Amino acid sequence: MNTTSREYDPVLVEAVERALAPYRGKLSPELIEHMREEALVLMSAHPYPVALLQTLQQRPPPDESHELARGGAPAAPEAAKGGEPRGLGRRRAARKR
C-alpha cells in the first residue's frame, strides 16, 4: 500500500483494500493504485459513502455497564397492553376434512 499526501480514515482504507484484493495480480499495479486513489477520494467526499463509513467505524466501549436504547419502530399499543388483540397473529388449528 502506497502512502499518499492525504491521510484517510483507516476503516475506509481497509474497505477499499478489501475491495481491490481480487484484482491484485490481475491488473497492473499502476491501475490498482489509480483505482485505490479514486475510490478513497470519492468515498471520503460524497455524503452517502461518508454516512456508510460512519456506521462502519467502531464505537468506543461504554464507561459503565447499562442498557442502551435502540433505534427502531415504536412499540405497538397492543404490546403495551400485555398482548395482541384476540385472533391476530395466532395460527388456528388445521381443520379436519
PDB file of N, CA and C in Angstrom:
ATOM      1  N   MET A   1       0.853  -1.172   0.000  1.00  0.00           N
ATOM      2  CA  MET A   1       0.000   0.000   0.000  1.00  0.00           C
ATOM      3  C   MET A   1       0.896   1.230   0.000  1.00  0.00           C
ATOM      4  N   ASN A   2       0.688   2.110  -0.945  1.00  0.00           N
ATOM      5  CA  ASN A   2       1.487   3.322  -1.032  1.00  0.00           C
ATOM      6  C   ASN A   2       0.924   4.390  -0.119  1.00  0.00           C
ATOM      7  N   THR A   3       1.810   5.222   0.399  1.00  0.00           N
ATOM      8  CA  THR A   3       1.338   6.327   1.220  1.00  0.00           C
ATOM      9  C   THR A   3       1.070   7.513   0.315  1.00  0.00           C
ATOM     10  N   THR A   4       0.059   8.263   0.636  1.00  0.00           N
ATOM     11  CA  THR A   4      -0.298   9.432  -0.158  1.00  0.00           C
ATOM     12  C   THR A   4      -0.131  10.666   0.696  1.00  0.00           C
ATOM     13  N   SER A   5      -0.246  11.834   0.046  1.00  0.00           N
ATOM     14  CA  SER A   5      -0.095  13.075   0.793  1.00  0.00           C
ATOM     15  C   SER A   5      -1.285  13.320   1.715  1.00  0.00           C
ATOM     16  N   ARG A   6      -2.423  12.714   1.407  1.00  0.00           N
ATOM     17  CA  ARG A   6      -3.612  12.890   2.237  1.00  0.00           C
ATOM     18  C   ARG A   6      -3.823  11.653   3.095  1.00  0.00           C
ATOM     19  N   GLU A   7      -4.170  11.861   4.344  1.00  0.00           N
ATOM     20  CA  GLU A   7      -4.454  10.746   5.255  1.00  0.00           C
ATOM     21  C   GLU A   7      -5.949  10.442   5.189  1.00  0.00           C
ATOM     22  N   TYR A   8      -6.276   9.173   5.046  1.00  0.00           N
ATOM     23  CA  TYR A   8      -7.670   8.734   5.001  1.00  0.00           C
ATOM     24  C   TYR A   8      -7.984   7.925   6.249  1.00  0.00           C
ATOM     25  N   ASP A   9      -9.257   7.824   6.535  1.00  0.00           N
ATOM     26  CA  ASP A   9      -9.722   7.042   7.678  1.00  0.00           C
ATOM     27  C   ASP A   9      -9.275   5.589   7.503  1.00  0.00           C
ATOM     28  N   PRO A  10      -8.680   4.995   8.529  1.00  0.00           N
ATOM     29  CA  PRO A  10      -8.210   3.608   8.416  1.00  0.00           C
ATOM     30  C   PRO A  10      -9.315   2.611   8.062  1.00  0.00           C
ATOM     31  N   VAL A  11     -10.531   2.847   8.515  1.00  0.00           N
ATOM     32  CA  VAL A  11     -11.649   1.957   8.189  1.00  0.00           C
ATOM     33  C   VAL A  11     -11.946   2.033   6.693  1.00  0.00           C
ATOM     34  N   LEU A  12     -11.895   3.240   6.131  1.00  0.00           N
ATOM     35  CA  LEU A  12     -12.121   3.420   4.700  1.00  0.00           C
ATOM     36  C   LEU A  12     -11.011   2.760   3.893  1.00  0.00           C
ATOM     37  N   VAL A  13      -9.768   2.949   4.309  1.00  0.00           N
ATOM     38  CA  VAL A  13      -8.631   2.345   3.608  1.00  0.00           C
ATOM     39  C   VAL A  13      -8.760   0.824   3.618  1.00  0.00           C
ATOM     40  N   GLU A  14      -9.140   0.267   4.760  1.00  0.00           N
ATOM     41  CA  GLU A  14      -9.300  -1.190   4.863  1.00  0.00           C
ATOM     42  C   GLU A  14     -10.406  -1.691   3.929  1.00  0.00           C
ATOM     43  N   ALA A  15     -11.523  -0.969   3.863  1.00  0.00           N
ATOM     44  CA  ALA A  15     -12.631  -1.374   2.990  1.00  0.00           C
ATOM     45  C   ALA A  15     -12.217  -1.319   1.520  1.00  0.00           C
ATOM     46  N   VAL A  16     -11.485  -0.280   1.133  1.00  0.00           N
ATOM     47  CA  VAL A  16     -11.031  -0.157  -0.255  1.00  0.00           C
ATOM     48  C   VAL A  16     -10.017  -1.250  -0.575  1.00  0.00           C
ATOM     49  N   GLU A  17      -9.104  -1.519   0.340  1.00  0.00           N
ATOM     50  CA  GLU A  17      -8.107  -2.572   0.113  1.00  0.00           C
ATOM     51  C   GLU A  17      -8.772  -3.936  -0.044  1.00  0.00           C
ATOM     52  N   ARG A  18      -9.804  -4.213   0.766  1.00  0.00           N
ATOM     53  CA  ARG A  18     -10.538  -5.478   0.637  1.00  0.00           C
ATOM     54  C   ARG A  18     -11.229  -5.569  -0.720  1.00  0.00           C
ATOM     55  N   ALA A  19     -11.785  -4.437  -1.174  1.00  0.00           N
ATOM     56  CA  ALA A  19     -12.477  -4.431  -2.464  1.00  0.00           C
ATOM     57  C   ALA A  19     -11.507  -4.630  -3.626  1.00  0.00           C
ATOM     58  N   LEU A  20     -10.292  -4.140  -3.495  1.00  0.00           N
ATOM     59  CA  LEU A  20      -9.306  -4.256  -4.574  1.00  0.00           C
ATOM     60  C   LEU A  20      -8.536  -5.569  -4.540  1.00  0.00           C
ATOM     61  N   ALA A  21      -8.588  -6.295  -3.454  1.00  0.00           N
ATOM     62  CA  ALA A  21      -7.786  -7.517  -3.294  1.00  0.00           C
ATOM     63  C   ALA A  21      -7.963  -8.519  -4.436  1.00  0.00           C
ATOM     64  N   PRO A  22      -9.169  -8.783  -4.928  1.00  0.00           N
ATOM     65  CA  PRO A  22      -9.309  -9.766  -6.008  1.00  0.00           C
ATOM     66  C   PRO A  22      -8.620  -9.353  -7.314  1.00  0.00           C
ATOM     67  N   TYR A  23      -8.346  -8.066  -7.476  1.00  0.00           N
ATOM     68  CA  TYR A  23      -7.768  -7.575  -8.726  1.00  0.00           C
ATOM     69  C   TYR A  23      -6.245  -7.511  -8.702  1.00  0.00           C
ATOM     70  N   ARG A  24      -5.666  -7.634  -7.511  1.00  0.00           N
ATOM     71  CA  ARG A  24      -4.201  -7.599  -7.423  1.00  0.00           C
ATOM     72  C   ARG A  24      -3.646  -8.832  -8.128  1.00  0.00           C
ATOM     73  N   GLY A  25      -2.633  -8.623  -8.944  1.00  0.00           N
ATOM     74  CA  GLY A  25      -2.056  -9.709  -9.719  1.00  0.00           C
ATOM     75  C   GLY A  25      -2.745  -9.915 -11.059  1.00  0.00           C
ATOM     76  N   LYS A  26      -3.948  -9.381 -11.221  1.00  0.00           N
ATOM     77  CA  LYS A  26      -4.669  -9.487 -12.497  1.00  0.00           C
ATOM     78  C   LYS A  26      -4.568  -8.193 -13.289  1.00  0.00           C
ATOM     79  N   LEU A  27      -4.454  -7.077 -12.577  1.00  0.00           N
ATOM     80  CA  LEU A  27      -4.326  -5.767 -13.215  1.00  0.00           C
ATOM     81  C   LEU A  27      -2.968  -5.185 -12.865  1.00  0.00           C
ATOM     82  N   SER A  28      -2.556  -4.195 -13.628  1.00  0.00           N
ATOM     83  CA  SER A  28      -1.247  -3.582 -13.388  1.00  0.00           C
ATOM     84  C   SER A  28      -1.249  -2.832 -12.056  1.00  0.00           C
ATOM     85  N   PRO A  29      -0.088  -2.753 -11.395  1.00  0.00           N
ATOM     86  CA  PRO A  29      -0.009  -2.006 -10.136  1.00  0.00           C
ATOM     87  C   PRO A  29      -0.407  -0.540 -10.295  1.00  0.00           C
ATOM     88  N   GLU A  30      -0.118   0.035 -11.457  1.00  0.00           N
ATOM     89  CA  GLU A  30      -0.489   1.435 -11.696  1.00  0.00           C
ATOM     90  C   GLU A  30      -2.007   1.597 -11.723  1.00  0.00           C
ATOM     91  N   LEU A  31      -2.686   0.655 -12.380  1.00  0.00           N
ATOM     92  CA  LEU A  31      -4.145   0.720 -12.448  1.00  0.00           C
ATOM     93  C   LEU A  31      -4.764   0.488 -11.069  1.00  0.00           C
ATOM     94  N   ILE A  32      -4.229  -0.447 -10.318  1.00  0.00           N
ATOM     95  CA  ILE A  32      -4.722  -0.698  -8.956  1.00  0.00           C
ATOM     96  C   ILE A  32      -4.563   0.559  -8.106  1.00  0.00           C
ATOM     97  N   GLU A  33      -3.406   1.208  -8.199  1.00  0.00           N
ATOM     98  CA  GLU A  33      -3.167   2.425  -7.410  1.00  0.00           C
ATOM     99  C   GLU A  33      -4.119   3.539  -7.838  1.00  0.00           C
ATOM    100  N   HIS A  34      -4.382   3.657  -9.144  1.00  0.00           N
ATOM    101  CA  HIS A  34      -5.320   4.670  -9.630  1.00  0.00           C
ATOM    102  C   HIS A  34      -6.728   4.388  -9.091  1.00  0.00           C
ATOM    103  N   MET A  35      -7.153   3.132  -9.166  1.00  0.00           N
ATOM    104  CA  MET A  35      -8.477   2.760  -8.653  1.00  0.00           C
ATOM    105  C   MET A  35      -8.566   3.021  -7.153  1.00  0.00           C
ATOM    106  N   ARG A  36      -7.493   2.718  -6.435  1.00  0.00           N
ATOM    107  CA  ARG A  36      -7.452   2.934  -4.989  1.00  0.00           C
ATOM    108  C   ARG A  36      -7.615   4.418  -4.661  1.00  0.00           C
ATOM    109  N   GLU A  37      -6.840   5.267  -5.346  1.00  0.00           N
ATOM    110  CA  GLU A  37      -6.917   6.712  -5.093  1.00  0.00           C
ATOM    111  C   GLU A  37      -8.295   7.265  -5.435  1.00  0.00           C
ATOM    112  N   GLU A  38      -8.846   6.848  -6.577  1.00  0.00           N
ATOM    113  CA  GLU A  38     -10.177   7.321  -6.964  1.00  0.00           C
ATOM    114  C   GLU A  38     -11.224   6.912  -5.932  1.00  0.00           C
ATOM    115  N   ALA A  39     -11.172   5.671  -5.502  1.00  0.00           N
ATOM    116  CA  ALA A  39     -12.146   5.192  -4.515  1.00  0.00           C
ATOM    117  C   ALA A  39     -12.015   5.955  -3.204  1.00  0.00           C
ATOM    118  N   LEU A  40     -10.787   6.168  -2.746  1.00  0.00           N
ATOM    119  CA  LEU A  40     -10.589   6.884  -1.484  1.00  0.00           C
ATOM    120  C   LEU A  40     -11.081   8.322  -1.574  1.00  0.00           C
ATOM    121  N   VAL A  41     -10.776   8.990  -2.675  1.00  0.00           N
ATOM    122  CA  VAL A  41     -11.204  10.388  -2.830  1.00  0.00           C
ATOM    123  C   VAL A  41     -12.725  10.473  -2.888  1.00  0.00           C
ATOM    124  N   LEU A  42     -13.337   9.652  -3.739  1.00  0.00           N
ATOM    125  CA  LEU A  42     -14.790   9.721  -3.895  1.00  0.00           C
ATOM    126  C   LEU A  42     -15.526   9.291  -2.631  1.00  0.00           C
ATOM    127  N   MET A  43     -15.050   8.232  -1.995  1.00  0.00           N
ATOM    128  CA  MET A  43     -15.753   7.725  -0.814  1.00  0.00           C
ATOM    129  C   MET A  43     -15.537   8.596   0.419  1.00  0.00           C
ATOM    130  N   SER A  44     -14.535   9.443   0.404  1.00  0.00           N
ATOM    131  CA  SER A  44     -14.342  10.335   1.549  1.00  0.00           C
ATOM    132  C   SER A  44     -14.999  11.689   1.331  1.00  0.00           C
ATOM    133  N   ALA A  45     -15.519  11.947   0.115  1.00  0.00           N
ATOM    134  CA  ALA A  45     -16.116  13.246  -0.175  1.00  0.00           C
ATOM    135  C   ALA A  45     -17.629  13.186  -0.381  1.00  0.00           C
ATOM    136  N   HIS A  46     -18.147  12.109  -0.910  1.00  0.00           N
ATOM    137  CA  HIS A  46     -19.571  12.014  -1.214  1.00  0.00           C
ATOM    138  C   HIS A  46     -20.357  11.727   0.063  1.00  0.00           C
ATOM    139  N   PRO A  47     -21.494  12.395   0.270  1.00  0.00           N
ATOM    140  CA  PRO A  47     -22.250  12.241   1.530  1.00  0.00           C
ATOM    141  C   PRO A  47     -22.725  10.813   1.819  1.00  0.00           C
ATOM    142  N   TYR A  48     -23.157  10.074   0.801  1.00  0.00           N
ATOM    143  CA  TYR A  48     -23.679   8.731   1.053  1.00  0.00           C
ATOM    144  C   TYR A  48     -22.597   7.786   1.565  1.00  0.00           C
ATOM    145  N   PRO A  49     -21.430   7.673   0.892  1.00  0.00           N
ATOM    146  CA  PRO A  49     -20.385   6.799   1.448  1.00  0.00           C
ATOM    147  C   PRO A  49     -19.865   7.280   2.801  1.00  0.00           C
ATOM    148  N   VAL A  50     -19.859   8.587   3.014  1.00  0.00           N
ATOM    149  CA  VAL A  50     -19.412   9.105   4.314  1.00  0.00           C
ATOM    150  C   VAL A  50     -20.352   8.619   5.412  1.00  0.00           C
ATOM    151  N   ALA A  51     -21.660   8.623   5.145  1.00  0.00           N
ATOM    152  CA  ALA A  51     -22.625   8.129   6.135  1.00  0.00           C
ATOM    153  C   ALA A  51     -22.434   6.635   6.376  1.00  0.00           C
ATOM    154  N   LEU A  52     -22.172   5.868   5.306  1.00  0.00           N
ATOM    155  CA  LEU A  52     -21.917   4.438   5.474  1.00  0.00           C
ATOM    156  C   LEU A  52     -20.644   4.200   6.273  1.00  0.00           C
ATOM    157  N   LEU A  53     -19.643   5.016   6.019  1.00  0.00           N
ATOM    158  CA  LEU A  53     -18.374   4.887   6.738  1.00  0.00           C
ATOM    159  C   LEU A  53     -18.578   5.103   8.235  1.00  0.00           C
ATOM    160  N   GLN A  54     -19.424   6.045   8.579  1.00  0.00           N
ATOM    161  CA  GLN A  54     -19.682   6.308   9.998  1.00  0.00           C
ATOM    162  C   GLN A  54     -20.314   5.098  10.672  1.00  0.00           C
ATOM    163  N   THR A  55     -21.095   4.314   9.938  1.00  0.00           N
ATOM    164  CA  THR A  55     -21.679   3.109  10.533  1.00  0.00           C
ATOM    165  C   THR A  55     -20.652   1.997  10.673  1.00  0.00           C
ATOM    166  N   LEU A  56     -19.600   2.019   9.838  1.00  0.00           N
ATOM    167  CA  LEU A  56     -18.551   1.002   9.924  1.00  0.00           C
ATOM    168  C   LEU A  56     -17.572   1.261  11.065  1.00  0.00           C
ATOM    169  N   GLN A  57     -17.451   2.517  11.447  1.00  0.00           N
ATOM    170  CA  GLN A  57     -16.479   2.861  12.480  1.00  0.00           C
ATOM    171  C   GLN A  57     -16.911   2.290  13.820  1.00  0.00           C
ATOM    172  N   GLN A  58     -15.939   1.831  14.569  1.00  0.00           N
ATOM    173  CA  GLN A  58     -16.237   1.236  15.868  1.00  0.00           C
ATOM    174  C   GLN A  58     -16.560   2.327  16.880  1.00  0.00           C
ATOM    175  N   ARG A  59     -17.513   2.015  17.725  1.00  0.00           N
ATOM    176  CA  ARG A  59     -17.847   2.928  18.815  1.00  0.00           C
ATOM    177  C   ARG A  59     -16.913   2.649  19.979  1.00  0.00           C
ATOM    178  N   PRO A  60     -16.588   3.665  20.751  1.00  0.00           N
ATOM    179  CA  PRO A  60     -15.757   3.409  21.929  1.00  0.00           C
ATOM    180  C   PRO A  60     -16.537   2.582  22.946  1.00  0.00           C
ATOM    181  N   PRO A  61     -15.857   1.761  23.743  1.00  0.00           N
ATOM    182  CA  PRO A  61     -16.571   0.963  24.739  1.00  0.00           C
ATOM    183  C   PRO A  61     -17.222   1.873  25.781  1.00  0.00           C
ATOM    184  N   PRO A  62     -18.365   1.455  26.322  1.00  0.00           N
ATOM    185  CA  PRO A  62     -19.028   2.284  27.332  1.00  0.00           C
ATOM    186  C   PRO A  62     -18.196   2.355  28.609  1.00  0.00           C
ATOM    187  N   ASP A  63     -18.343   3.460  29.316  1.00  0.00           N
ATOM    188  CA  ASP A  63     -17.621   3.644  30.576  1.00  0.00           C
ATOM    189  C   ASP A  63     -18.168   2.736  31.669  1.00  0.00           C
ATOM    190  N   GLU A  64     -19.456   2.433  31.582  1.00  0.00           N
ATOM    191  CA  GLU A  64     -20.076   1.586  32.598  1.00  0.00           C
ATOM    192  C   GLU A  64     -21.109   0.694  31.928  1.00  0.00           C
ATOM    193  N   SER A  65     -21.508  -0.335  32.610  1.00  0.00           N
ATOM    194  CA  SER A  65     -22.473  -1.272  32.060  1.00  0.00           C
ATOM    195  C   SER A  65     -23.887  -0.784  32.361  1.00  0.00           C
ATOM    196  N   HIS A  66     -24.680  -0.641  31.314  1.00  0.00           N
ATOM    197  CA  HIS A  66     -26.080  -0.271  31.470  1.00  0.00           C
ATOM    198  C   HIS A  66     -26.798  -0.554  30.155  1.00  0.00           C
ATOM    199  N   GLU A  67     -28.120  -0.512  30.187  1.00  0.00           N
ATOM    200  CA  GLU A  67     -28.899  -0.770  28.986  1.00  0.00           C
ATOM    201  C   GLU A  67     -28.856   0.451  28.084  1.00  0.00           C
ATOM    202  N   LEU A  68     -28.754   0.187  26.773  1.00  0.00           N
ATOM    203  CA  LEU A  68     -28.747   1.254  25.789  1.00  0.00           C
ATOM    204  C   LEU A  68     -30.050   1.225  25.012  1.00  0.00           C
ATOM    205  N   ALA A  69     -30.579   2.397  24.710  1.00  0.00           N
ATOM    206  CA  ALA A  69     -31.782   2.482  23.896  1.00  0.00           C
ATOM    207  C   ALA A  69     -31.412   2.128  22.463  1.00  0.00           C
ATOM    208  N   ARG A  70     -32.255   1.395  21.799  1.00  0.00           N
ATOM    209  CA  ARG A  70     -32.024   1.011  20.408  1.00  0.00           C
ATOM    210  C   ARG A  70     -33.024   1.743  19.528  1.00  0.00           C
ATOM    211  N   GLY A  71     -32.589   2.067  18.322  1.00  0.00           N
ATOM    212  CA  GLY A  71     -33.475   2.706  17.365  1.00  0.00           C
ATOM    213  C   GLY A  71     -34.444   1.695  16.794  1.00  0.00           C
ATOM    214  N   GLY A  72     -35.472   2.177  16.147  1.00  0.00           N
ATOM    215  CA  GLY A  72     -36.423   1.264  15.531  1.00  0.00           C
ATOM    216  C   GLY A  72     -37.824   1.806  15.657  1.00  0.00           C
ATOM    217  N   ALA A  73     -38.761   0.995  15.261  1.00  0.00           N
ATOM    218  CA  ALA A  73     -40.158   1.397  15.316  1.00  0.00           C
ATOM    219  C   ALA A  73     -40.636   1.434  16.762  1.00  0.00           C
ATOM    220  N   PRO A  74     -41.473   2.397  17.087  1.00  0.00           N
ATOM    221  CA  PRO A  74     -42.008   2.436  18.457  1.00  0.00           C
ATOM    222  C   PRO A  74     -42.884   1.222  18.717  1.00  0.00           C
ATOM    223  N   ALA A  75     -43.016   0.876  19.959  1.00  0.00           N
ATOM    224  CA  ALA A  75     -43.814  -0.291  20.342  1.00  0.00           C
ATOM    225  C   ALA A  75     -45.273  -0.058  19.980  1.00  0.00           C
ATOM    226  N   ALA A  76     -45.925  -1.113  19.555  1.00  0.00           N
ATOM    227  CA  ALA A  76     -47.338  -1.028  19.201  1.00  0.00           C
ATOM    228  C   ALA A  76     -48.166  -0.891  20.472  1.00  0.00           C
ATOM    229  N   PRO A  77     -49.298  -0.207  20.404  1.00  0.00           N
ATOM    230  CA  PRO A  77     -50.134  -0.052  21.601  1.00  0.00           C
ATOM    231  C   PRO A  77     -50.573  -1.386  22.187  1.00  0.00           C
ATOM    232  N   GLU A  78     -50.776  -2.420  21.337  1.00  0.00           N
ATOM    233  CA  GLU A  78     -51.200  -3.723  21.843  1.00  0.00           C
ATOM    234  C   GLU A  78     -50.129  -4.323  22.751  1.00  0.00           C
ATOM    235  N   ALA A  79     -48.862  -4.109  22.397  1.00  0.00           N
ATOM    236  CA  ALA A  79     -47.775  -4.665  23.198  1.00  0.00           C
ATOM    237  C   ALA A  79     -47.762  -4.029  24.584  1.00  0.00           C
ATOM    238  N   ALA A  80     -48.142  -2.774  24.662  1.00  0.00           N
ATOM    239  CA  ALA A  80     -48.160  -2.089  25.948  1.00  0.00           C
ATOM    240  C   ALA A  80     -49.288  -2.620  26.834  1.00  0.00           C
ATOM    241  N   LYS A  81     -50.362  -3.122  26.224  1.00  0.00           N
ATOM    242  CA  LYS A  81     -51.488  -3.644  26.988  1.00  0.00           C
ATOM    243  C   LYS A  81     -51.228  -5.052  27.506  1.00  0.00           C
ATOM    244  N   GLY A  82     -50.173  -5.674  27.013  1.00  0.00           N
ATOM    245  CA  GLY A  82     -49.863  -7.005  27.513  1.00  0.00           C
ATOM    246  C   GLY A  82     -50.315  -8.125  26.605  1.00  0.00           C
ATOM    247  N   GLY A  83     -50.479  -7.869  25.346  1.00  0.00           N
ATOM    248  CA  GLY A  83     -50.838  -8.948  24.439  1.00  0.00           C
ATOM    249  C   GLY A  83     -51.434  -8.427  23.157  1.00  0.00           C
ATOM    250  N   GLU A  84     -51.714  -9.354  22.274  1.00  0.00           N
ATOM    251  CA  GLU A  84     -52.301  -8.990  20.997  1.00  0.00           C
ATOM    252  C   GLU A  84     -53.816  -9.073  21.100  1.00  0.00           C
ATOM    253  N   PRO A  85     -54.515  -8.333  20.250  1.00  0.00           N
ATOM    254  CA  PRO A  85     -55.965  -8.481  20.234  1.00  0.00           C
ATOM    255  C   PRO A  85     -56.318  -9.911  19.846  1.00  0.00           C
ATOM    256  N   ARG A  86     -57.429 -10.363  20.328  1.00  0.00           N
ATOM    257  CA  ARG A  86     -57.820 -11.758  20.107  1.00  0.00           C
ATOM    258  C   ARG A  86     -57.918 -12.062  18.615  1.00  0.00           C
ATOM    259  N   GLY A  87     -57.282 -13.178  18.233  1.00  0.00           N
ATOM    260  CA  GLY A  87     -57.378 -13.637  16.858  1.00  0.00           C
ATOM    261  C   GLY A  87     -56.299 -13.116  15.928  1.00  0.00           C
ATOM    262  N   LEU A  88     -55.535 -12.138  16.336  1.00  0.00           N
ATOM    263  CA  LEU A  88     -54.488 -11.620  15.464  1.00  0.00           C
ATOM    264  C   LEU A  88     -53.157 -12.270  15.792  1.00  0.00           C
ATOM    265  N   GLY A  89     -52.462 -12.677  14.766  1.00  0.00           N
ATOM    266  CA  GLY A  89     -51.121 -13.202  14.948  1.00  0.00           C
ATOM    267  C   GLY A  89     -51.055 -14.614  15.477  1.00  0.00           C
ATOM    268  N   ARG A  90     -52.149 -15.323  15.513  1.00  0.00           N
ATOM    269  CA  ARG A  90     -52.139 -16.693  16.020  1.00  0.00           C
ATOM    270  C   ARG A  90     -52.594 -17.640  14.916  1.00  0.00           C
ATOM    271  N   ARG A  91     -51.980 -18.805  14.895  1.00  0.00           N
ATOM    272  CA  ARG A  91     -52.399 -19.820  13.937  1.00  0.00           C
ATOM    273  C   ARG A  91     -53.594 -20.578  14.485  1.00  0.00           C
ATOM    274  N   ARG A  92     -54.451 -20.919  13.609  1.00  0.00           N
ATOM    275  CA  ARG A  92     -55.582 -21.745  14.014  1.00  0.00           C
ATOM    276  C   ARG A  92     -55.254 -23.188  13.699  1.00  0.00           C
ATOM    277  N   ALA A  93     -55.829 -24.073  14.434  1.00  0.00           N
ATOM    278  CA  ALA A  93     -55.600 -25.499  14.205  1.00  0.00           C
ATOM    279  C   ALA A  93     -56.136 -25.880  12.831  1.00  0.00           C
ATOM    280  N   ALA A  94     -55.470 -26.825  12.206  1.00  0.00           N
ATOM    281  CA  ALA A  94     -55.906 -27.285  10.887  1.00  0.00           C
ATOM    282  C   ALA A  94     -57.265 -27.963  11.009  1.00  0.00           C
ATOM    283  N   ARG A  95     -58.115 -27.727  10.057  1.00  0.00           N
ATOM    284  CA  ARG A  95     -59.447 -28.332  10.071  1.00  0.00           C
ATOM    285  C   ARG A  95     -59.367 -29.741   9.518  1.00  0.00           C
ATOM    286  N   LYS A  96     -60.147 -30.627  10.115  1.00  0.00           N
ATOM    287  CA  LYS A  96     -60.225 -31.999   9.615  1.00  0.00           C
ATOM    288  C   LYS A  96     -61.197 -32.027   8.457  1.00  0.00           C
ATOM    289  N   ARG A  97     -60.858 -32.805   7.449  1.00  0.00           N
ATOM    290  CA  ARG A  97     -61.732 -32.881   6.263  1.00  0.00           C
ATOM    291  C   ARG A  97     -62.555 -34.109   6.258  1.00  0.00           C
TER     292      ARG A  97
END
